C-alpha cells in the first residue's frame, strides 16, 4: 500500500508581516500567546512572526487533503524544540493530525518560507 501524503508551502514577505504586527488585533487573531512571547523577544521579531505565519499557511494547505472546515490561524501553533527543529501544536479538534505533520522553515531579511508535509 503506498504512503499517502500531502505538502503545503508558503512564502511570506517579511515587510508585509512587519506592518501587520503593529496591529494588536492581528497578533491576537493569528498568533498564540506562546508565539507572541517568543517572537516579541527576538531582535528582528518580524522575521520570526513571518516564518510562523508561513508555517500556519503551509500546514493549512497540507491539511486541506483531510477536508477539515474552518481552520483558524490560532489553531496551528509553531514552536521550536531545544534542538532548533520546528514543531507544530494543533488545537484540540485537530490534535489527531499533530504527529503526522513535519515542518521546514527558513527566513531571510526579506522573505520567510515554510514547507509542511502531512503523512496520512
C-alpha atoms as a PDB file:
ATOM      1  CA  UNK A   1       0.000   0.000   0.000  1.00  0.00           C
ATOM      2  CA  UNK A   2       1.542   3.361  -0.988  1.00  0.00           C
ATOM      3  CA  UNK A   3       2.172   6.043   1.602  1.00  0.00           C
ATOM      4  CA  UNK A   4      -0.268   8.907   1.165  1.00  0.00           C
ATOM      5  CA  UNK A   5       0.961  12.377   1.915  1.00  0.00           C
ATOM      6  CA  UNK A   6       0.321  15.991   1.076  1.00  0.00           C
ATOM      7  CA  UNK A   7       2.587  19.015   1.006  1.00  0.00           C
ATOM      8  CA  UNK A   8       1.856  22.653   1.763  1.00  0.00           C
ATOM      9  CA  UNK A   9       4.190  25.572   1.096  1.00  0.00           C
ATOM     10  CA  UNK A  10       4.028  29.288   1.723  1.00  0.00           C
ATOM     11  CA  UNK A  11       6.301  32.244   1.061  1.00  0.00           C
ATOM     12  CA  UNK A  12       5.743  35.483   3.008  1.00  0.00           C
ATOM     13  CA  UNK A  13       7.129  38.981   2.552  1.00  0.00           C
ATOM     14  CA  UNK A  14       8.624  39.959   5.932  1.00  0.00           C
ATOM     15  CA  UNK A  15       7.794  43.658   5.345  1.00  0.00           C
ATOM     16  CA  UNK A  16       4.108  42.803   4.998  1.00  0.00           C
ATOM     17  CA  UNK A  17       4.111  40.985   8.329  1.00  0.00           C
ATOM     18  CA  UNK A  18       6.174  43.778   9.950  1.00  0.00           C
ATOM     19  CA  UNK A  19       3.388  46.212   9.064  1.00  0.00           C
ATOM     20  CA  UNK A  20       0.649  43.820  10.209  1.00  0.00           C
ATOM     21  CA  UNK A  21       2.133  43.052  13.635  1.00  0.00           C
ATOM     22  CA  UNK A  22       1.829  46.709  14.569  1.00  0.00           C
ATOM     23  CA  UNK A  23      -1.880  45.999  14.943  1.00  0.00           C
ATOM     24  CA  UNK A  24      -2.526  44.180  18.261  1.00  0.00           C
ATOM     25  CA  UNK A  25      -5.763  42.702  16.856  1.00  0.00           C
ATOM     26  CA  UNK A  26      -3.779  40.997  14.095  1.00  0.00           C
ATOM     27  CA  UNK A  27      -1.381  39.481  16.639  1.00  0.00           C
ATOM     28  CA  UNK A  28      -4.201  38.216  18.856  1.00  0.00           C
ATOM     29  CA  UNK A  29      -6.203  36.798  15.944  1.00  0.00           C
ATOM     30  CA  UNK A  30      -3.315  34.975  14.250  1.00  0.00           C
ATOM     31  CA  UNK A  31      -0.712  34.007  16.856  1.00  0.00           C
ATOM     32  CA  UNK A  32      -0.855  32.005  20.077  1.00  0.00           C
ATOM     33  CA  UNK A  33       0.285  33.565  23.353  1.00  0.00           C
ATOM     34  CA  UNK A  34       3.491  31.495  23.322  1.00  0.00           C
ATOM     35  CA  UNK A  35       4.267  32.576  19.746  1.00  0.00           C
ATOM     36  CA  UNK A  36       3.778  36.232  20.681  1.00  0.00           C
ATOM     37  CA  UNK A  37       6.068  35.817  23.687  1.00  0.00           C
ATOM     38  CA  UNK A  38       8.751  34.031  21.654  1.00  0.00           C
ATOM     39  CA  UNK A  39       8.689  36.326  18.616  1.00  0.00           C
ATOM     40  CA  UNK A  40       8.287  39.510  20.641  1.00  0.00           C
ATOM     41  CA  UNK A  41      11.513  38.728  22.462  1.00  0.00           C
ATOM     42  CA  UNK A  42      13.572  38.475  19.292  1.00  0.00           C
ATOM     43  CA  UNK A  43      15.705  41.288  17.852  1.00  0.00           C
ATOM     44  CA  UNK A  44      14.031  41.134  14.445  1.00  0.00           C
ATOM     45  CA  UNK A  45      10.623  39.895  15.540  1.00  0.00           C
ATOM     46  CA  UNK A  46       9.053  40.425  12.100  1.00  0.00           C
ATOM     47  CA  UNK A  47      11.159  37.589  10.629  1.00  0.00           C
ATOM     48  CA  UNK A  48      10.036  35.211  13.361  1.00  0.00           C
ATOM     49  CA  UNK A  49       6.382  36.191  13.051  1.00  0.00           C
ATOM     50  CA  UNK A  50       6.612  35.902   9.258  1.00  0.00           C
ATOM     51  CA  UNK A  51       8.047  32.388   9.298  1.00  0.00           C
ATOM     52  CA  UNK A  52       5.352  31.296  11.761  1.00  0.00           C
ATOM     53  CA  UNK A  53       2.670  32.853   9.582  1.00  0.00           C
ATOM     54  CA  UNK A  54       4.096  30.992   6.575  1.00  0.00           C
ATOM     55  CA  UNK A  55       4.130  27.771   8.627  1.00  0.00           C
ATOM     56  CA  UNK A  56       0.467  28.171   9.592  1.00  0.00           C
ATOM     57  CA  UNK A  57      -0.462  28.664   5.944  1.00  0.00           C
ATOM     58  CA  UNK A  58       1.657  25.687   4.840  1.00  0.00           C
ATOM     59  CA  UNK A  59       0.111  23.422   7.490  1.00  0.00           C
ATOM     60  CA  UNK A  60      -3.373  24.589   6.495  1.00  0.00           C
ATOM     61  CA  UNK A  61      -2.605  23.713   2.859  1.00  0.00           C
ATOM     62  CA  UNK A  62      -1.185  20.307   3.785  1.00  0.00           C
ATOM     63  CA  UNK A  63      -4.271  19.537   5.903  1.00  0.00           C
ATOM     64  CA  UNK A  64      -6.637  20.529   3.091  1.00  0.00           C
ATOM     65  CA  UNK A  65      -6.489  16.894   1.953  1.00  0.00           C
ATOM     66  CA  UNK A  66      -8.460  15.804   5.035  1.00  0.00           C
ATOM     67  CA  UNK A  67     -11.079  18.490   4.363  1.00  0.00           C
ATOM     68  CA  UNK A  68     -11.332  19.943   7.854  1.00  0.00           C
ATOM     69  CA  UNK A  69     -13.556  23.008   7.690  1.00  0.00           C
ATOM     70  CA  UNK A  70     -12.681  26.443   9.031  1.00  0.00           C
ATOM     71  CA  UNK A  71      -9.182  26.053  10.444  1.00  0.00           C
ATOM     72  CA  UNK A  72      -8.201  29.306  12.173  1.00  0.00           C
ATOM     73  CA  UNK A  73      -4.598  30.523  12.297  1.00  0.00           C
ATOM     74  CA  UNK A  74      -4.526  30.244  16.103  1.00  0.00           C
ATOM     75  CA  UNK A  75      -5.413  26.545  15.873  1.00  0.00           C
ATOM     76  CA  UNK A  76      -1.953  25.974  14.427  1.00  0.00           C
ATOM     77  CA  UNK A  77       0.910  26.772  16.772  1.00  0.00           C
ATOM     78  CA  UNK A  78       4.568  26.713  15.830  1.00  0.00           C
ATOM     79  CA  UNK A  79       7.254  26.101  18.423  1.00  0.00           C
ATOM     80  CA  UNK A  80      10.956  25.497  18.407  1.00  0.00           C
ATOM     81  CA  UNK A  81      12.456  22.475  20.132  1.00  0.00           C
ATOM     82  CA  UNK A  82      15.715  22.916  22.101  1.00  0.00           C
ATOM     83  CA  UNK A  83      17.452  21.312  19.118  1.00  0.00           C
ATOM     84  CA  UNK A  84      16.154  24.147  16.918  1.00  0.00           C
ATOM     85  CA  UNK A  85      13.780  21.906  14.999  1.00  0.00           C
ATOM     86  CA  UNK A  86      10.341  23.443  14.430  1.00  0.00           C
ATOM     87  CA  UNK A  87       7.264  21.609  15.657  1.00  0.00           C
ATOM     88  CA  UNK A  88       3.534  22.023  15.294  1.00  0.00           C
ATOM     89  CA  UNK A  89       0.930  22.087  18.038  1.00  0.00           C
ATOM     90  CA  UNK A  90      -2.680  21.871  16.957  1.00  0.00           C
ATOM     91  CA  UNK A  91      -5.972  22.720  18.627  1.00  0.00           C
ATOM     92  CA  UNK A  92      -7.947  20.026  20.393  1.00  0.00           C
ATOM     93  CA  UNK A  93     -10.130  19.268  17.356  1.00  0.00           C
ATOM     94  CA  UNK A  94      -7.052  18.867  15.110  1.00  0.00           C
ATOM     95  CA  UNK A  95      -4.804  17.110  17.661  1.00  0.00           C
ATOM     96  CA  UNK A  96      -5.079  13.720  15.926  1.00  0.00           C
ATOM     97  CA  UNK A  97      -3.083  15.115  12.973  1.00  0.00           C
ATOM     98  CA  UNK A  98      -0.301  16.719  15.015  1.00  0.00           C
ATOM     99  CA  UNK A  99       2.284  13.924  14.938  1.00  0.00           C
ATOM    100  CA  UNK A 100       1.750  13.427  11.212  1.00  0.00           C
ATOM    101  CA  UNK A 101       2.930  16.918  10.281  1.00  0.00           C
ATOM    102  CA  UNK A 102       6.555  17.858   9.684  1.00  0.00           C
ATOM    103  CA  UNK A 103       7.848  21.383   9.095  1.00  0.00           C
ATOM    104  CA  UNK A 104      10.817  23.002   7.473  1.00  0.00           C
ATOM    105  CA  UNK A 105      11.252  26.753   7.978  1.00  0.00           C
ATOM    106  CA  UNK A 106      13.665  29.325   6.618  1.00  0.00           C
ATOM    107  CA  UNK A 107      13.852  33.099   6.557  1.00  0.00           C
ATOM    108  CA  UNK A 108      15.965  35.985   5.350  1.00  0.00           C
ATOM    109  CA  UNK A 109      15.615  39.711   5.958  1.00  0.00           C
ATOM    110  CA  UNK A 110      13.063  39.841   3.124  1.00  0.00           C
ATOM    111  CA  UNK A 111      11.233  36.514   2.958  1.00  0.00           C
ATOM    112  CA  UNK A 112      10.011  33.672   5.137  1.00  0.00           C
ATOM    113  CA  UNK A 113       9.399  30.196   3.723  1.00  0.00           C
ATOM    114  CA  UNK A 114       7.643  27.176   5.190  1.00  0.00           C
ATOM    115  CA  UNK A 115       7.092  23.667   3.881  1.00  0.00           C
ATOM    116  CA  UNK A 116       4.764  21.297   5.708  1.00  0.00           C
ATOM    117  CA  UNK A 117       4.282  17.631   4.959  1.00  0.00           C
ATOM    118  CA  UNK A 118       1.318  15.652   6.205  1.00  0.00           C
ATOM    119  CA  UNK A 119       1.589  11.862   6.133  1.00  0.00           C
ATOM    120  CA  UNK A 120      -1.767  10.128   6.334  1.00  0.00           C
END
